[in-house]
């Protein structure tokens, strides 16, 4: 055996230029894949009869206001039959009172 240390230097077989070409190819592939697969927002044209989200939100708010007003007021449903609409709180009180009697 020899007393001299072994020389373990690695040869540089891959030139820097080749590494740069590989990185550039990978970057261009990544850019192309992103360009192709990223969804693009299309311009939406207003169609007659179709409501926008703002319109639907306004209609929902109006509907909820109307429903709330109806749920908190008295009204005749069928006066001949004696059917009325009561506020929810009053209907609960009457139901509890009727069940307490039983």
C-alpha atoms as a PDB file:
ATOM      1  CA  UNK A   1       0.000   0.000   0.000  1.00  0.00           C
ATOM      2  CA  UNK A   2       1.039   3.437  -0.684  1.00  0.00           C
ATOM      3  CA  UNK A   3       1.485   6.175   1.898  1.00  0.00           C
ATOM      4  CA  UNK A   4       0.229   8.885  -0.432  1.00  0.00           C
ATOM      5  CA  UNK A   5      -3.371  10.029  -0.085  1.00  0.00           C
ATOM      6  CA  UNK A   6      -5.716   9.150  -2.865  1.00  0.00           C
ATOM      7  CA  UNK A   7      -6.789  11.913  -5.217  1.00  0.00           C
ATOM      8  CA  UNK A   8     -10.585  11.920  -5.282  1.00  0.00           C
ATOM      9  CA  UNK A   9     -11.270  14.945  -7.446  1.00  0.00           C
ATOM     10  CA  UNK A  10     -14.400  14.526  -9.541  1.00  0.00           C
ATOM     11  CA  UNK A  11     -14.157  15.323 -13.209  1.00  0.00           C
ATOM     12  CA  UNK A  12     -16.517  18.022 -14.434  1.00  0.00           C
ATOM     13  CA  UNK A  13     -18.096  16.216 -17.327  1.00  0.00           C
ATOM     14  CA  UNK A  14     -21.197  18.411 -17.623  1.00  0.00           C
ATOM     15  CA  UNK A  15     -20.324  21.821 -18.972  1.00  0.00           C
ATOM     16  CA  UNK A  16     -22.004  24.882 -17.531  1.00  0.00           C
ATOM     17  CA  UNK A  17     -23.490  25.737 -20.928  1.00  0.00           C
ATOM     18  CA  UNK A  18     -25.375  22.422 -21.049  1.00  0.00           C
ATOM     19  CA  UNK A  19     -26.763  22.983 -17.562  1.00  0.00           C
ATOM     20  CA  UNK A  20     -27.989  26.443 -18.585  1.00  0.00           C
ATOM     21  CA  UNK A  21     -29.686  24.989 -21.684  1.00  0.00           C
ATOM     22  CA  UNK A  22     -31.475  22.369 -19.550  1.00  0.00           C
ATOM     23  CA  UNK A  23     -32.639  25.025 -17.071  1.00  0.00           C
ATOM     24  CA  UNK A  24     -33.837  27.276 -19.919  1.00  0.00           C
ATOM     25  CA  UNK A  25     -35.760  24.374 -21.484  1.00  0.00           C
ATOM     26  CA  UNK A  26     -37.378  23.537 -18.161  1.00  0.00           C
ATOM     27  CA  UNK A  27     -38.315  27.181 -17.581  1.00  0.00           C
ATOM     28  CA  UNK A  28     -39.817  27.523 -21.079  1.00  0.00           C
ATOM     29  CA  UNK A  29     -41.786  24.290 -20.596  1.00  0.00           C
ATOM     30  CA  UNK A  30     -43.101  25.513 -17.229  1.00  0.00           C
ATOM     31  CA  UNK A  31     -44.108  28.871 -18.760  1.00  0.00           C
ATOM     32  CA  UNK A  32     -45.865  27.149 -21.682  1.00  0.00           C
ATOM     33  CA  UNK A  33     -47.709  24.734 -19.357  1.00  0.00           C
ATOM     34  CA  UNK A  34     -48.852  27.622 -17.171  1.00  0.00           C
ATOM     35  CA  UNK A  35     -49.980  29.599 -20.213  1.00  0.00           C
ATOM     36  CA  UNK A  36     -51.989  26.677 -21.586  1.00  0.00           C
ATOM     37  CA  UNK A  37     -53.541  25.290 -18.392  1.00  0.00           C
ATOM     38  CA  UNK A  38     -54.313  28.500 -16.500  1.00  0.00           C
ATOM     39  CA  UNK A  39     -57.977  29.389 -17.019  1.00  0.00           C
ATOM     40  CA  UNK A  40     -58.625  32.786 -18.498  1.00  0.00           C
ATOM     41  CA  UNK A  41     -61.568  34.961 -17.545  1.00  0.00           C
ATOM     42  CA  UNK A  42     -63.747  35.525 -20.536  1.00  0.00           C
ATOM     43  CA  UNK A  43     -65.726  38.686 -21.000  1.00  0.00           C
ATOM     44  CA  UNK A  44     -69.321  37.894 -20.162  1.00  0.00           C
ATOM     45  CA  UNK A  45     -71.942  39.662 -22.198  1.00  0.00           C
ATOM     46  CA  UNK A  46     -75.209  40.631 -20.575  1.00  0.00           C
ATOM     47  CA  UNK A  47     -77.926  38.235 -21.711  1.00  0.00           C
ATOM     48  CA  UNK A  48     -81.548  39.338 -21.681  1.00  0.00           C
ATOM     49  CA  UNK A  49     -83.444  37.740 -18.802  1.00  0.00           C
ATOM     50  CA  UNK A  50     -80.335  36.621 -16.910  1.00  0.00           C
ATOM     51  CA  UNK A  51     -79.723  38.401 -13.631  1.00  0.00           C
ATOM     52  CA  UNK A  52     -76.334  39.459 -12.369  1.00  0.00           C
ATOM     53  CA  UNK A  53     -75.197  38.512  -8.855  1.00  0.00           C
ATOM     54  CA  UNK A  54     -75.930  42.067  -7.700  1.00  0.00           C
ATOM     55  CA  UNK A  55     -79.478  41.811  -9.074  1.00  0.00           C
ATOM     56  CA  UNK A  56     -80.020  38.472  -7.357  1.00  0.00           C
ATOM     57  CA  UNK A  57     -78.681  39.842  -4.082  1.00  0.00           C
ATOM     58  CA  UNK A  58     -81.092  42.800  -4.272  1.00  0.00           C
ATOM     59  CA  UNK A  59     -84.041  40.526  -5.069  1.00  0.00           C
ATOM     60  CA  UNK A  60     -83.125  38.204  -2.195  1.00  0.00           C
ATOM     61  CA  UNK A  61     -82.946  41.134   0.231  1.00  0.00           C
ATOM     62  CA  UNK A  62     -86.368  42.356  -0.939  1.00  0.00           C
ATOM     63  CA  UNK A  63     -87.820  38.857  -0.615  1.00  0.00           C
ATOM     64  CA  UNK A  64     -86.430  38.412   2.902  1.00  0.00           C
ATOM     65  CA  UNK A  65     -87.791  41.816   3.951  1.00  0.00           C
ATOM     66  CA  UNK A  66     -91.233  40.888   2.615  1.00  0.00           C
ATOM     67  CA  UNK A  67     -91.139  37.466   4.319  1.00  0.00           C
ATOM     68  CA  UNK A  68     -90.084  39.024   7.617  1.00  0.00           C
ATOM     69  CA  UNK A  69     -92.907  41.588   7.413  1.00  0.00           C
ATOM     70  CA  UNK A  70     -95.443  38.836   6.695  1.00  0.00           C
ATOM     71  CA  UNK A  71     -94.130  36.678   9.545  1.00  0.00           C
ATOM     72  CA  UNK A  72     -94.577  39.536  12.019  1.00  0.00           C
ATOM     73  CA  UNK A  73     -98.056  40.729  11.051  1.00  0.00           C
ATOM     74  CA  UNK A  74    -101.698  39.713  11.218  1.00  0.00           C
ATOM     75  CA  UNK A  75    -103.713  39.072   8.050  1.00  0.00           C
ATOM     76  CA  UNK A  76    -106.679  37.143   6.791  1.00  0.00           C
ATOM     77  CA  UNK A  77    -105.835  34.081   4.708  1.00  0.00           C
ATOM     78  CA  UNK A  78    -109.466  32.994   4.184  1.00  0.00           C
ATOM     79  CA  UNK A  79    -111.970  35.168   6.000  1.00  0.00           C
ATOM     80  CA  UNK A  80    -114.967  32.929   5.220  1.00  0.00           C
ATOM     81  CA  UNK A  81    -113.215  29.905   6.671  1.00  0.00           C
ATOM     82  CA  UNK A  82    -111.792  31.900   9.580  1.00  0.00           C
ATOM     83  CA  UNK A  83    -108.136  31.282   8.686  1.00  0.00           C
ATOM     84  CA  UNK A  84    -105.744  34.038   9.776  1.00  0.00           C
ATOM     85  CA  UNK A  85    -102.019  34.622   9.640  1.00  0.00           C
ATOM     86  CA  UNK A  86    -100.508  35.310  13.044  1.00  0.00           C
ATOM     87  CA  UNK A  87     -97.096  36.627  13.990  1.00  0.00           C
ATOM     88  CA  UNK A  88     -94.786  33.741  14.831  1.00  0.00           C
ATOM     89  CA  UNK A  89     -94.318  34.800  18.465  1.00  0.00           C
ATOM     90  CA  UNK A  90     -98.066  34.934  19.047  1.00  0.00           C
ATOM     91  CA  UNK A  91     -98.582  31.564  17.337  1.00  0.00           C
ATOM     92  CA  UNK A  92     -95.967  30.000  19.619  1.00  0.00           C
ATOM     93  CA  UNK A  93     -97.674  31.460  22.708  1.00  0.00           C
ATOM     94  CA  UNK A  94    -101.038  30.070  21.638  1.00  0.00           C
ATOM     95  CA  UNK A  95     -99.570  26.653  20.841  1.00  0.00           C
ATOM     96  CA  UNK A  96     -97.808  26.451  24.204  1.00  0.00           C
ATOM     97  CA  UNK A  97    -101.005  27.519  25.973  1.00  0.00           C
ATOM     98  CA  UNK A  98    -103.057  24.854  24.106  1.00  0.00           C
ATOM     99  CA  UNK A  99    -100.539  22.098  24.885  1.00  0.00           C
ATOM    100  CA  UNK A 100    -100.329  23.149  28.544  1.00  0.00           C
ATOM    101  CA  UNK A 101    -104.079  22.578  28.886  1.00  0.00           C
ATOM    102  CA  UNK A 102    -103.771  18.951  27.757  1.00  0.00           C
END
